[in-house]
Amino acid sequence: MGHSEPNELIELERIVGKLGKALQTRVMCQVEVGPHTLPVYAITIGNAAPDAPSVGFFGGVHGLERIGAAVVLAYLRNVVTRLRWDAALHRQLELMRMVFMPIVNPGGLWRGTRSNPQGVDLMRNAPIEADERVAMLVGGQRLSPRLPWYRGPRQVPMQPESRAVCQLVDEELLSHTFSIAVDCHSGFGMSDRIWFPYAHSRAPIGHLPEIHALCELLDQTQVHHRYVFEPQSHQYLAHGDLWDYLYQRACTDPARVHLPLTLEMGSWLWVKKNPRQLLSTLGLFNPLIAHRQARVLRCQVGWLDFVGRAACGHLGWRPTGPERERHRQLALNRWYARLAT
């Protein structure tokens, strides 16, 4: 492979090369960046049976947010390394499926842009419209690819990278009766946030009880965590959200539970601790000091591991019967009470 590839892509290929026989690796699409062709990889491991839970980890959707790809790569490296000796992990993988797409947007990563090489923001690219008026630009726009948050032309297929995510989710997550997806981003506020749908609507999602039970599980098992767990609509509404689109597709089967989550790492805290990061575009979205990046990776790898374990043991915490309605009421009081006033 050429030396012009992003370091994250080179690292991914090295990780996969270590245990190629234990992992299933495929190229979901190829991305053209000038004279270069970059692959979008998907890695899968574990039980592919439909009744086994599945969990997907996605990063690098926005090329500027390199820390998102780094977090997913760090967890993939953790899993691959533990395969040599961790009997508990082997048992976990007998019970569940793990799916990784660490670098969704290699072209944006290579160019240092939020968008892909065509100027399209992959998180504004899905065919779904907001219920209400959205904020100018940030909510998604079709004016020009020269402006941020460009959705792409109207009435044309989604970008290859977006279609690759949809294909992987269809084949490896929605093919299972229970699944969770975590998409890793950065750049919003001073707190790490865990967002769940919707981004296009302020309405509660159908699987609100399951979301609340998962949030309660996090609160109980990681008592000192600092994540803000909330609907994305608490912060802003947007057109074209890819996970809203995939969640609505998942809901076409009432027997299927799919919980898409977005980890939004609070990069403003890194800027506050190191104001010199304001001097570079990358510094607005990524920890530039080595020890701070190491701390972020340690913390977030623990969160991804929690999600994997929660998916594997979902029958132990998923609410059913009257308990499901109790969680729904608790969730409405926690996140949507202000909508009723």
C-alpha atoms as a PDB file:
ATOM      1  CA  MET A   1       0.000   0.000   0.000  1.00  0.00           C
ATOM      2  CA  GLY A   2       1.197   3.534  -0.688  1.00  0.00           C
ATOM      3  CA  HIS A   3       2.703   5.827   1.887  1.00  0.00           C
ATOM      4  CA  SER A   4       0.092   8.441   0.981  1.00  0.00           C
ATOM      5  CA  GLU A   5      -2.611   6.547   2.897  1.00  0.00           C
ATOM      6  CA  PRO A   6      -3.873   8.015   6.178  1.00  0.00           C
ATOM      7  CA  ASN A   7      -2.002   6.642   9.197  1.00  0.00           C
ATOM      8  CA  GLU A   8      -5.291   5.326  10.593  1.00  0.00           C
ATOM      9  CA  LEU A   9      -5.852   3.241   7.465  1.00  0.00           C
ATOM     10  CA  ILE A  10      -2.319   1.841   7.634  1.00  0.00           C
ATOM     11  CA  GLU A  11      -2.871   0.958  11.294  1.00  0.00           C
ATOM     12  CA  LEU A  12      -6.169  -0.754  10.484  1.00  0.00           C
ATOM     13  CA  GLU A  13      -4.487  -2.908   7.850  1.00  0.00           C
ATOM     14  CA  ARG A  14      -1.764  -3.860  10.329  1.00  0.00           C
ATOM     15  CA  ILE A  15      -4.315  -4.833  12.980  1.00  0.00           C
ATOM     16  CA  VAL A  16      -6.265  -6.963  10.538  1.00  0.00           C
ATOM     17  CA  GLY A  17      -3.067  -8.570   9.272  1.00  0.00           C
ATOM     18  CA  LYS A  18      -2.174  -9.866  12.733  1.00  0.00           C
ATOM     19  CA  LEU A  19      -5.141 -12.217  13.030  1.00  0.00           C
ATOM     20  CA  GLY A  20      -6.563 -12.454   9.550  1.00  0.00           C
ATOM     21  CA  LYS A  21      -7.907 -15.981  10.055  1.00  0.00           C
ATOM     22  CA  ALA A  22      -9.900 -15.011  13.149  1.00  0.00           C
ATOM     23  CA  LEU A  23     -11.541 -12.000  11.486  1.00  0.00           C
ATOM     24  CA  GLN A  24     -13.708 -11.621   8.427  1.00  0.00           C
ATOM     25  CA  THR A  25     -12.535  -8.570   6.504  1.00  0.00           C
ATOM     26  CA  ARG A  26     -14.004  -7.109   3.349  1.00  0.00           C
ATOM     27  CA  VAL A  27     -13.893  -3.897   1.364  1.00  0.00           C
ATOM     28  CA  MET A  28     -17.367  -2.347   1.276  1.00  0.00           C
ATOM     29  CA  CYS A  29     -16.464   0.269  -1.342  1.00  0.00           C
ATOM     30  CA  GLN A  30     -13.535   2.136  -2.865  1.00  0.00           C
ATOM     31  CA  VAL A  31     -13.136   5.911  -2.577  1.00  0.00           C
ATOM     32  CA  GLU A  32     -11.300   7.972  -5.175  1.00  0.00           C
ATOM     33  CA  VAL A  33      -9.166  10.833  -3.838  1.00  0.00           C
ATOM     34  CA  GLY A  34      -7.320  12.383  -6.748  1.00  0.00           C
ATOM     35  CA  PRO A  35      -5.003   9.654  -8.098  1.00  0.00           C
ATOM     36  CA  HIS A  36      -5.476   7.528  -4.975  1.00  0.00           C
ATOM     37  CA  THR A  37      -8.028   4.803  -4.273  1.00  0.00           C
ATOM     38  CA  LEU A  38      -8.816   4.172  -0.616  1.00  0.00           C
ATOM     39  CA  PRO A  39     -10.816   1.200   0.724  1.00  0.00           C
ATOM     40  CA  VAL A  40     -13.639   1.333   3.250  1.00  0.00           C
ATOM     41  CA  TYR A  41     -13.104  -1.761   5.390  1.00  0.00           C
ATOM     42  CA  ALA A  42     -15.588  -3.756   7.453  1.00  0.00           C
ATOM     43  CA  ILE A  43     -14.396  -6.318   9.999  1.00  0.00           C
ATOM     44  CA  THR A  44     -16.689  -8.894  11.585  1.00  0.00           C
ATOM     45  CA  ILE A  45     -16.141 -11.559  14.202  1.00  0.00           C
ATOM     46  CA  GLY A  46     -18.294 -13.837  16.328  1.00  0.00           C
ATOM     47  CA  ASN A  47     -21.644 -15.590  16.077  1.00  0.00           C
ATOM     48  CA  ALA A  48     -23.574 -14.721  12.895  1.00  0.00           C
ATOM     49  CA  ALA A  49     -26.818 -16.462  13.925  1.00  0.00           C
ATOM     50  CA  PRO A  50     -29.881 -14.155  13.707  1.00  0.00           C
ATOM     51  CA  ASP A  51     -30.855 -14.841  17.324  1.00  0.00           C
ATOM     52  CA  ALA A  52     -27.390 -13.838  18.591  1.00  0.00           C
ATOM     53  CA  PRO A  53     -27.095 -10.143  19.502  1.00  0.00           C
ATOM     54  CA  SER A  54     -24.882  -7.967  17.325  1.00  0.00           C
ATOM     55  CA  VAL A  55     -23.001  -4.749  18.047  1.00  0.00           C
ATOM     56  CA  GLY A  56     -21.416  -2.385  15.538  1.00  0.00           C
ATOM     57  CA  PHE A  57     -18.668   0.200  16.079  1.00  0.00           C
ATOM     58  CA  PHE A  58     -18.252   3.003  13.527  1.00  0.00           C
ATOM     59  CA  GLY A  59     -15.735   5.850  13.331  1.00  0.00           C
ATOM     60  CA  GLY A  60     -14.221   8.366  10.955  1.00  0.00           C
ATOM     61  CA  VAL A  61     -17.524   9.478   9.424  1.00  0.00           C
ATOM     62  CA  HIS A  62     -16.182  13.028   9.529  1.00  0.00           C
ATOM     63  CA  GLY A  63     -12.589  13.220   8.348  1.00  0.00           C
ATOM     64  CA  LEU A  64     -11.685  16.076  10.685  1.00  0.00           C
ATOM     65  CA  GLU A  65     -12.705  14.039  13.735  1.00  0.00           C
ATOM     66  CA  ARG A  66      -9.767  11.639  13.678  1.00  0.00           C
ATOM     67  CA  ILE A  67     -10.242  10.759  17.343  1.00  0.00           C
ATOM     68  CA  GLY A  68     -13.462   8.907  16.417  1.00  0.00           C
ATOM     69  CA  ALA A  69     -11.539   6.557  14.132  1.00  0.00           C
ATOM     70  CA  ALA A  70      -8.776   6.275  16.756  1.00  0.00           C
ATOM     71  CA  VAL A  71     -11.247   5.151  19.432  1.00  0.00           C
ATOM     72  CA  VAL A  72     -12.730   2.392  17.256  1.00  0.00           C
ATOM     73  CA  LEU A  73      -9.243   1.295  16.152  1.00  0.00           C
ATOM     74  CA  ALA A  74      -8.100   1.168  19.784  1.00  0.00           C
ATOM     75  CA  TYR A  75     -11.023  -1.068  20.717  1.00  0.00           C
ATOM     76  CA  LEU A  76     -10.509  -3.282  17.671  1.00  0.00           C
ATOM     77  CA  ARG A  77      -6.839  -3.636  18.636  1.00  0.00           C
ATOM     78  CA  ASN A  78      -7.927  -4.492  22.182  1.00  0.00           C
ATOM     79  CA  VAL A  79     -10.229  -7.256  20.917  1.00  0.00           C
ATOM     80  CA  VAL A  80      -7.709  -8.653  18.449  1.00  0.00           C
ATOM     81  CA  THR A  81      -4.945  -8.767  21.071  1.00  0.00           C
ATOM     82  CA  ARG A  82      -7.165 -10.447  23.654  1.00  0.00           C
ATOM     83  CA  LEU A  83      -8.137 -13.193  21.221  1.00  0.00           C
ATOM     84  CA  ARG A  84      -4.778 -14.848  21.960  1.00  0.00           C
ATOM     85  CA  TRP A  85      -5.452 -15.382  25.648  1.00  0.00           C
ATOM     86  CA  ASP A  86      -8.861 -14.152  26.867  1.00  0.00           C
ATOM     87  CA  ALA A  87     -11.139 -17.171  27.320  1.00  0.00           C
ATOM     88  CA  ALA A  88     -13.976 -14.904  28.514  1.00  0.00           C
ATOM     89  CA  LEU A  89     -13.827 -12.939  25.258  1.00  0.00           C
ATOM     90  CA  HIS A  90     -13.972 -16.169  23.260  1.00  0.00           C
ATOM     91  CA  ARG A  91     -17.070 -17.179  25.222  1.00  0.00           C
ATOM     92  CA  GLN A  92     -18.603 -13.749  24.591  1.00  0.00           C
ATOM     93  CA  LEU A  93     -17.988 -14.088  20.849  1.00  0.00           C
ATOM     94  CA  GLU A  94     -19.662 -17.490  20.854  1.00  0.00           C
ATOM     95  CA  LEU A  95     -22.792 -15.685  22.030  1.00  0.00           C
ATOM     96  CA  MET A  96     -22.690 -12.511  19.904  1.00  0.00           C
ATOM     97  CA  ARG A  97     -21.481 -10.760  16.759  1.00  0.00           C
ATOM     98  CA  MET A  98     -19.064  -7.800  16.634  1.00  0.00           C
ATOM     99  CA  VAL A  99     -18.858  -5.493  13.633  1.00  0.00           C
ATOM    100  CA  PHE A 100     -16.270  -2.754  13.016  1.00  0.00           C
ATOM    101  CA  MET A 101     -16.094   0.007  10.420  1.00  0.00           C
ATOM    102  CA  PRO A 102     -13.377   2.214  11.934  1.00  0.00           C
ATOM    103  CA  ILE A 103     -12.891   4.536   8.941  1.00  0.00           C
ATOM    104  CA  VAL A 104     -16.143   5.271   7.149  1.00  0.00           C
ATOM    105  CA  ASN A 105     -14.733   8.314   5.335  1.00  0.00           C
ATOM    106  CA  PRO A 106     -11.086   7.612   4.404  1.00  0.00           C
ATOM    107  CA  GLY A 107     -11.142  10.341   1.757  1.00  0.00           C
ATOM    108  CA  GLY A 108     -12.153  12.985   4.295  1.00  0.00           C
ATOM    109  CA  LEU A 109      -9.559  11.653   6.716  1.00  0.00           C
ATOM    110  CA  TRP A 110      -6.883  11.878   4.009  1.00  0.00           C
ATOM    111  CA  ARG A 111      -7.933  15.434   3.019  1.00  0.00           C
ATOM    112  CA  GLY A 112      -8.562  16.652   6.562  1.00  0.00           C
ATOM    113  CA  THR A 113     -12.173  17.613   5.847  1.00  0.00           C
ATOM    114  CA  ARG A 114     -15.468  16.948   7.572  1.00  0.00           C
ATOM    115  CA  SER A 115     -17.043  15.942   4.265  1.00  0.00           C
ATOM    116  CA  ASN A 116     -16.080  13.203   1.840  1.00  0.00           C
ATOM    117  CA  PRO A 117     -14.061  14.064  -1.318  1.00  0.00           C
ATOM    118  CA  GLN A 118     -17.287  15.118  -3.094  1.00  0.00           C
ATOM    119  CA  GLY A 119     -17.951  17.691  -0.395  1.00  0.00           C
ATOM    120  CA  VAL A 120     -20.877  15.755   1.101  1.00  0.00           C
ATOM    121  CA  ASP A 121     -21.407  15.473   4.850  1.00  0.00           C
ATOM    122  CA  LEU A 122     -22.209  11.785   5.309  1.00  0.00           C
ATOM    123  CA  MET A 123     -24.315  12.547   8.396  1.00  0.00           C
ATOM    124  CA  ARG A 124     -26.609  14.781   6.325  1.00  0.00           C
ATOM    125  CA  ASN A 125     -26.807  12.467   3.311  1.00  0.00           C
ATOM    126  CA  ALA A 126     -29.724  10.143   4.087  1.00  0.00           C
ATOM    127  CA  PRO A 127     -33.177  10.618   2.487  1.00  0.00           C
ATOM    128  CA  ILE A 128     -34.934  11.832   5.606  1.00  0.00           C
ATOM    129  CA  GLU A 129     -36.283  15.301   6.367  1.00  0.00           C
ATOM    130  CA  ALA A 130     -36.591  17.100   9.693  1.00  0.00           C
ATOM    131  CA  ASP A 131     -40.092  17.600  11.074  1.00  0.00           C
ATOM    132  CA  GLU A 132     -39.384  21.238  11.912  1.00  0.00           C
ATOM    133  CA  ARG A 133     -37.288  24.056  10.583  1.00  0.00           C
ATOM    134  CA  VAL A 134     -33.593  23.426  11.226  1.00  0.00           C
ATOM    135  CA  ALA A 135     -30.753  25.811  11.995  1.00  0.00           C
ATOM    136  CA  MET A 136     -29.181  27.357   8.912  1.00  0.00           C
ATOM    137  CA  LEU A 137     -26.323  25.275   7.464  1.00  0.00           C
ATOM    138  CA  VAL A 138     -25.735  23.051  10.507  1.00  0.00           C
ATOM    139  CA  GLY A 139     -29.084  21.331   9.992  1.00  0.00           C
ATOM    140  CA  GLY A 140     -28.083  20.333   6.467  1.00  0.00           C
ATOM    141  CA  GLN A 141     -28.015  22.373   3.267  1.00  0.00           C
ATOM    142  CA  ARG A 142     -28.089  21.820  -0.487  1.00  0.00           C
ATOM    143  CA  LEU A 143     -26.722  25.221  -1.511  1.00  0.00           C
ATOM    144  CA  SER A 144     -23.155  24.191  -2.273  1.00  0.00           C
ATOM    145  CA  PRO A 145     -20.501  21.558  -1.467  1.00  0.00           C
ATOM    146  CA  ARG A 146     -18.205  24.497  -0.732  1.00  0.00           C
ATOM    147  CA  LEU A 147     -20.212  25.151   2.420  1.00  0.00           C
ATOM    148  CA  PRO A 148     -20.209  22.801   5.441  1.00  0.00           C
ATOM    149  CA  TRP A 149     -23.014  20.321   6.157  1.00  0.00           C
ATOM    150  CA  TYR A 150     -23.787  19.828   2.447  1.00  0.00           C
ATOM    151  CA  ARG A 151     -26.386  17.078   1.970  1.00  0.00           C
ATOM    152  CA  GLY A 152     -25.595  16.245  -1.639  1.00  0.00           C
ATOM    153  CA  PRO A 153     -27.781  16.820  -4.703  1.00  0.00           C
ATOM    154  CA  ARG A 154     -31.494  16.215  -4.369  1.00  0.00           C
ATOM    155  CA  GLN A 155     -32.967  12.943  -5.672  1.00  0.00           C
ATOM    156  CA  VAL A 156     -29.667  11.178  -6.318  1.00  0.00           C
ATOM    157  CA  PRO A 157     -28.352   8.027  -4.582  1.00  0.00           C
ATOM    158  CA  MET A 158     -26.533   8.386  -1.299  1.00  0.00           C
ATOM    159  CA  GLN A 159     -22.765   8.626  -1.380  1.00  0.00           C
ATOM    160  CA  PRO A 160     -20.812   5.331  -1.652  1.00  0.00           C
ATOM    161  CA  GLU A 161     -19.612   5.625   1.959  1.00  0.00           C
ATOM    162  CA  SER A 162     -23.177   6.164   3.228  1.00  0.00           C
ATOM    163  CA  ARG A 163     -24.411   3.227   1.183  1.00  0.00           C
ATOM    164  CA  ALA A 164     -21.573   1.106   2.596  1.00  0.00           C
ATOM    165  CA  VAL A 165     -22.724   1.874   6.149  1.00  0.00           C
ATOM    166  CA  CYS A 166     -26.317   1.014   5.226  1.00  0.00           C
ATOM    167  CA  GLN A 167     -25.262  -2.249   3.593  1.00  0.00           C
ATOM    168  CA  LEU A 168     -23.188  -3.280   6.589  1.00  0.00           C
ATOM    169  CA  VAL A 169     -25.961  -2.384   9.040  1.00  0.00           C
ATOM    170  CA  ASP A 170     -28.513  -4.291   6.950  1.00  0.00           C
ATOM    171  CA  GLU A 171     -26.348  -7.397   6.673  1.00  0.00           C
ATOM    172  CA  GLU A 172     -24.700  -7.514  10.092  1.00  0.00           C
ATOM    173  CA  LEU A 173     -26.981  -5.659  12.523  1.00  0.00           C
ATOM    174  CA  LEU A 174     -30.551  -5.619  11.226  1.00  0.00           C
ATOM    175  CA  SER A 175     -30.255  -9.292  10.318  1.00  0.00           C
ATOM    176  CA  HIS A 176     -30.192  -9.959  14.091  1.00  0.00           C
ATOM    177  CA  THR A 177     -33.169  -9.693  16.416  1.00  0.00           C
ATOM    178  CA  PHE A 178     -31.192  -7.421  18.772  1.00  0.00           C
ATOM    179  CA  SER A 179     -28.410  -4.999  17.888  1.00  0.00           C
ATOM    180  CA  ILE A 180     -26.670  -1.832  19.047  1.00  0.00           C
ATOM    181  CA  ALA A 181     -24.613   0.564  16.933  1.00  0.00           C
ATOM    182  CA  VAL A 182     -22.119   3.120  18.283  1.00  0.00           C
ATOM    183  CA  ASP A 183     -20.867   5.879  15.982  1.00  0.00           C
ATOM    184  CA  CYS A 184     -17.894   7.815  17.405  1.00  0.00           C
ATOM    185  CA  HIS A 185     -17.612  11.583  16.803  1.00  0.00           C
ATOM    186  CA  SER A 186     -16.119  14.653  18.458  1.00  0.00           C
ATOM    187  CA  GLY A 187     -16.532  18.378  18.506  1.00  0.00           C
ATOM    188  CA  PHE A 188     -19.593  19.269  20.571  1.00  0.00           C
ATOM    189  CA  GLY A 189     -19.346  20.990  23.954  1.00  0.00           C
ATOM    190  CA  MET A 190     -17.247  20.254  27.005  1.00  0.00           C
ATOM    191  CA  SER A 191     -18.906  16.984  28.020  1.00  0.00           C
ATOM    192  CA  ASP A 192     -18.895  13.565  26.413  1.00  0.00           C
ATOM    193  CA  ARG A 193     -22.419  12.859  25.247  1.00  0.00           C
ATOM    194  CA  ILE A 194     -24.242   9.702  24.230  1.00  0.00           C
ATOM    195  CA  TRP A 195     -26.967  10.605  21.788  1.00  0.00           C
ATOM    196  CA  PHE A 196     -29.847   8.453  20.627  1.00  0.00           C
ATOM    197  CA  PRO A 197     -32.434   9.191  17.889  1.00  0.00           C
ATOM    198  CA  TYR A 198     -34.041  11.246  16.782  1.00  0.00           C
ATOM    199  CA  ALA A 199     -32.084  14.004  15.107  1.00  0.00           C
ATOM    200  CA  HIS A 200     -34.868  14.840  12.633  1.00  0.00           C
ATOM    201  CA  SER A 201     -37.687  14.990  15.214  1.00  0.00           C
ATOM    202  CA  ARG A 202     -38.302  15.869  18.844  1.00  0.00           C
ATOM    203  CA  ALA A 203     -40.667  12.897  19.196  1.00  0.00           C
ATOM    204  CA  PRO A 204     -39.633   9.925  21.392  1.00  0.00           C
ATOM    205  CA  ILE A 205     -38.490   6.808  19.547  1.00  0.00           C
ATOM    206  CA  GLY A 206     -40.377   3.529  19.768  1.00  0.00           C
ATOM    207  CA  HIS A 207     -37.604   1.807  21.716  1.00  0.00           C
ATOM    208  CA  LEU A 208     -37.414   4.482  24.387  1.00  0.00           C
ATOM    209  CA  PRO A 209     -37.852   1.889  27.202  1.00  0.00           C
ATOM    210  CA  GLU A 210     -34.828  -0.067  25.964  1.00  0.00           C
ATOM    211  CA  ILE A 211     -32.768   3.121  25.689  1.00  0.00           C
ATOM    212  CA  HIS A 212     -33.684   4.115  29.251  1.00  0.00           C
ATOM    213  CA  ALA A 213     -32.891   0.648  30.588  1.00  0.00           C
ATOM    214  CA  LEU A 214     -29.472   0.798  28.894  1.00  0.00           C
ATOM    215  CA  CYS A 215     -28.843   4.263  30.335  1.00  0.00           C
ATOM    216  CA  GLU A 216     -29.847   2.990  33.796  1.00  0.00           C
ATOM    217  CA  LEU A 217     -27.489   0.041  33.345  1.00  0.00           C
ATOM    218  CA  LEU A 218     -24.644   2.455  32.588  1.00  0.00           C
ATOM    219  CA  ASP A 219     -25.511   4.558  35.646  1.00  0.00           C
ATOM    220  CA  GLN A 220     -25.519   1.487  37.878  1.00  0.00           C
ATOM    221  CA  THR A 221     -22.391  -0.254  36.581  1.00  0.00           C
ATOM    222  CA  GLN A 222     -20.205   2.799  35.918  1.00  0.00           C
ATOM    223  CA  VAL A 223     -21.273   4.928  38.833  1.00  0.00           C
ATOM    224  CA  HIS A 224     -18.679   7.652  38.262  1.00  0.00           C
ATOM    225  CA  HIS A 225     -19.133   8.078  34.517  1.00  0.00           C
ATOM    226  CA  ARG A 226     -19.516  11.611  33.170  1.00  0.00           C
ATOM    227  CA  TYR A 227     -21.490  10.924  30.007  1.00  0.00           C
ATOM    228  CA  VAL A 228     -24.549  13.027  29.258  1.00  0.00           C
ATOM    229  CA  PHE A 229     -27.086  10.512  27.907  1.00  0.00           C
ATOM    230  CA  GLU A 230     -29.808  12.278  25.904  1.00  0.00           C
ATOM    231  CA  PRO A 231     -31.785  12.453  22.648  1.00  0.00           C
ATOM    232  CA  GLN A 232     -29.827  14.243  19.944  1.00  0.00           C
ATOM    233  CA  SER A 233     -32.850  16.490  19.396  1.00  0.00           C
ATOM    234  CA  HIS A 234     -32.098  18.164  22.734  1.00  0.00           C
ATOM    235  CA  GLN A 235     -29.202  19.913  20.993  1.00  0.00           C
ATOM    236  CA  TYR A 236     -30.352  20.458  17.411  1.00  0.00           C
ATOM    237  CA  LEU A 237     -32.470  19.067  14.603  1.00  0.00           C
ATOM    238  CA  ALA A 238     -31.020  18.059  11.254  1.00  0.00           C
ATOM    239  CA  HIS A 239     -32.005  16.775   7.857  1.00  0.00           C
ATOM    240  CA  GLY A 240     -30.504  13.603   6.444  1.00  0.00           C
ATOM    241  CA  ASP A 241     -29.343  11.896   9.624  1.00  0.00           C
ATOM    242  CA  LEU A 242     -28.036   8.467   8.641  1.00  0.00           C
ATOM    243  CA  TRP A 243     -28.837   6.745  11.964  1.00  0.00           C
ATOM    244  CA  ASP A 244     -32.394   8.094  12.032  1.00  0.00           C
ATOM    245  CA  TYR A 245     -32.830   6.656   8.549  1.00  0.00           C
ATOM    246  CA  LEU A 246     -31.416   3.263   9.546  1.00  0.00           C
ATOM    247  CA  TYR A 247     -33.417   3.189  12.776  1.00  0.00           C
ATOM    248  CA  GLN A 248     -36.663   3.753  10.866  1.00  0.00           C
ATOM    249  CA  ARG A 249     -35.727   0.934   8.504  1.00  0.00           C
ATOM    250  CA  ALA A 250     -35.092  -1.301  11.511  1.00  0.00           C
ATOM    251  CA  CYS A 251     -38.557  -0.532  12.869  1.00  0.00           C
ATOM    252  CA  THR A 252     -40.258  -2.090   9.826  1.00  0.00           C
ATOM    253  CA  ASP A 253     -39.946  -5.393  11.724  1.00  0.00           C
ATOM    254  CA  PRO A 254     -41.719  -5.149  15.120  1.00  0.00           C
ATOM    255  CA  ALA A 255     -39.770  -8.149  16.428  1.00  0.00           C
ATOM    256  CA  ARG A 256     -36.427  -6.423  15.865  1.00  0.00           C
ATOM    257  CA  VAL A 257     -34.706  -4.144  18.376  1.00  0.00           C
ATOM    258  CA  HIS A 258     -31.985  -1.861  17.019  1.00  0.00           C
ATOM    259  CA  LEU A 259     -30.486   0.853  19.226  1.00  0.00           C
ATOM    260  CA  PRO A 260     -28.272   3.381  17.392  1.00  0.00           C
ATOM    261  CA  LEU A 261     -26.070   5.505  19.655  1.00  0.00           C
ATOM    262  CA  THR A 262     -23.692   8.343  18.866  1.00  0.00           C
ATOM    263  CA  LEU A 263     -20.700   9.037  21.090  1.00  0.00           C
ATOM    264  CA  GLU A 264     -20.031  12.766  20.794  1.00  0.00           C
ATOM    265  CA  MET A 265     -16.743  13.503  22.557  1.00  0.00           C
ATOM    266  CA  GLY A 266     -16.559  17.020  23.993  1.00  0.00           C
ATOM    267  CA  SER A 267     -13.576  18.538  22.203  1.00  0.00           C
ATOM    268  CA  TRP A 268     -14.070  21.987  23.709  1.00  0.00           C
ATOM    269  CA  LEU A 269     -12.598  20.625  26.938  1.00  0.00           C
ATOM    270  CA  TRP A 270      -9.378  19.722  25.111  1.00  0.00           C
ATOM    271  CA  VAL A 271      -9.230  23.245  23.684  1.00  0.00           C
ATOM    272  CA  LYS A 272      -9.820  24.744  27.119  1.00  0.00           C
ATOM    273  CA  LYS A 273      -6.912  22.761  28.551  1.00  0.00           C
ATOM    274  CA  ASN A 274      -4.678  23.595  25.600  1.00  0.00           C
ATOM    275  CA  PRO A 275      -5.790  26.871  23.953  1.00  0.00           C
ATOM    276  CA  ARG A 276      -3.050  26.537  21.328  1.00  0.00           C
ATOM    277  CA  GLN A 277      -5.270  23.941  19.673  1.00  0.00           C
ATOM    278  CA  LEU A 278      -7.317  26.869  18.359  1.00  0.00           C
ATOM    279  CA  LEU A 279      -4.461  27.529  15.937  1.00  0.00           C
ATOM    280  CA  SER A 280      -5.213  24.399  13.912  1.00  0.00           C
ATOM    281  CA  THR A 281      -8.413  23.007  12.445  1.00  0.00           C
ATOM    282  CA  LEU A 282      -7.597  19.527  13.739  1.00  0.00           C
ATOM    283  CA  GLY A 283      -7.142  20.995  17.213  1.00  0.00           C
ATOM    284  CA  LEU A 284     -10.815  21.969  17.342  1.00  0.00           C
ATOM    285  CA  PHE A 285     -11.860  18.319  17.118  1.00  0.00           C
ATOM    286  CA  ASN A 286      -8.994  16.200  18.443  1.00  0.00           C
ATOM    287  CA  PRO A 287      -6.675  16.047  21.472  1.00  0.00           C
ATOM    288  CA  LEU A 288      -3.278  17.034  20.084  1.00  0.00           C
ATOM    289  CA  ILE A 289      -1.193  16.266  23.181  1.00  0.00           C
ATOM    290  CA  ALA A 290      -0.148  12.609  23.380  1.00  0.00           C
ATOM    291  CA  HIS A 291      -0.983  11.980  27.041  1.00  0.00           C
ATOM    292  CA  ARG A 292      -4.421  13.545  26.601  1.00  0.00           C
ATOM    293  CA  GLN A 293      -5.185  11.376  23.585  1.00  0.00           C
ATOM    294  CA  ALA A 294      -4.076   8.306  25.570  1.00  0.00           C
ATOM    295  CA  ARG A 295      -6.474   9.270  28.372  1.00  0.00           C
ATOM    296  CA  VAL A 296      -9.343   9.699  25.898  1.00  0.00           C
ATOM    297  CA  LEU A 297      -8.654   6.298  24.348  1.00  0.00           C
ATOM    298  CA  ARG A 298      -8.535   4.579  27.749  1.00  0.00           C
ATOM    299  CA  CYS A 299     -11.859   6.078  28.740  1.00  0.00           C
ATOM    300  CA  GLN A 300     -13.699   5.470  25.482  1.00  0.00           C
ATOM    301  CA  VAL A 301     -12.420   1.917  24.970  1.00  0.00           C
ATOM    302  CA  GLY A 302     -14.039   1.156  28.325  1.00  0.00           C
ATOM    303  CA  TRP A 303     -17.329   2.590  27.067  1.00  0.00           C
ATOM    304  CA  LEU A 304     -17.219   0.500  23.871  1.00  0.00           C
ATOM    305  CA  ASP A 305     -16.451  -2.602  25.904  1.00  0.00           C
ATOM    306  CA  PHE A 306     -19.453  -1.835  28.123  1.00  0.00           C
ATOM    307  CA  VAL A 307     -21.691  -1.604  25.040  1.00  0.00           C
ATOM    308  CA  GLY A 308     -20.426  -4.950  23.778  1.00  0.00           C
ATOM    309  CA  ARG A 309     -21.093  -6.628  27.102  1.00  0.00           C
ATOM    310  CA  ALA A 310     -24.509  -4.986  27.364  1.00  0.00           C
ATOM    311  CA  ALA A 311     -25.451  -6.279  23.920  1.00  0.00           C
ATOM    312  CA  CYS A 312     -24.237  -9.767  24.790  1.00  0.00           C
ATOM    313  CA  GLY A 313     -26.283  -9.810  28.011  1.00  0.00           C
ATOM    314  CA  HIS A 314     -29.307  -7.884  26.737  1.00  0.00           C
ATOM    315  CA  LEU A 315     -31.777 -10.518  27.956  1.00  0.00           C
ATOM    316  CA  GLY A 316     -30.728  -9.666  31.510  1.00  0.00           C
ATOM    317  CA  TRP A 317     -31.654  -5.973  31.335  1.00  0.00           C
ATOM    318  CA  ARG A 318     -34.121  -5.451  28.452  1.00  0.00           C
ATOM    319  CA  PRO A 319     -37.489  -4.546  29.962  1.00  0.00           C
ATOM    320  CA  THR A 320     -40.573  -6.613  29.147  1.00  0.00           C
ATOM    321  CA  GLY A 321     -44.237  -6.499  30.152  1.00  0.00           C
ATOM    322  CA  PRO A 322     -45.163  -3.922  32.818  1.00  0.00           C
ATOM    323  CA  GLU A 323     -41.465  -3.183  33.356  1.00  0.00           C
ATOM    324  CA  ARG A 324     -41.225  -1.851  29.806  1.00  0.00           C
ATOM    325  CA  GLU A 325     -44.021   0.643  30.441  1.00  0.00           C
ATOM    326  CA  ARG A 326     -42.348   1.695  33.690  1.00  0.00           C
ATOM    327  CA  HIS A 327     -39.136   2.469  31.794  1.00  0.00           C
ATOM    328  CA  ARG A 328     -41.099   4.376  29.175  1.00  0.00           C
ATOM    329  CA  GLN A 329     -42.631   6.648  31.825  1.00  0.00           C
ATOM    330  CA  LEU A 330     -39.268   7.168  33.504  1.00  0.00           C
ATOM    331  CA  ALA A 331     -37.715   8.054  30.151  1.00  0.00           C
ATOM    332  CA  LEU A 332     -40.513  10.480  29.280  1.00  0.00           C
ATOM    333  CA  ASN A 333     -40.060  12.209  32.633  1.00  0.00           C
ATOM    334  CA  ARG A 334     -36.276  12.299  32.257  1.00  0.00           C
ATOM    335  CA  TRP A 335     -35.952  13.489  28.652  1.00  0.00           C
ATOM    336  CA  TYR A 336     -39.291  14.730  27.326  1.00  0.00           C
ATOM    337  CA  ALA A 337     -41.084  16.400  30.239  1.00  0.00           C
ATOM    338  CA  ARG A 338     -40.434  19.839  28.791  1.00  0.00           C
ATOM    339  CA  LEU A 339     -42.282  18.880  25.592  1.00  0.00           C
ATOM    340  CA  ALA A 340     -45.465  18.342  27.604  1.00  0.00           C
ATOM    341  CA  THR A 341     -45.388  21.839  29.112  1.00  0.00           C
END
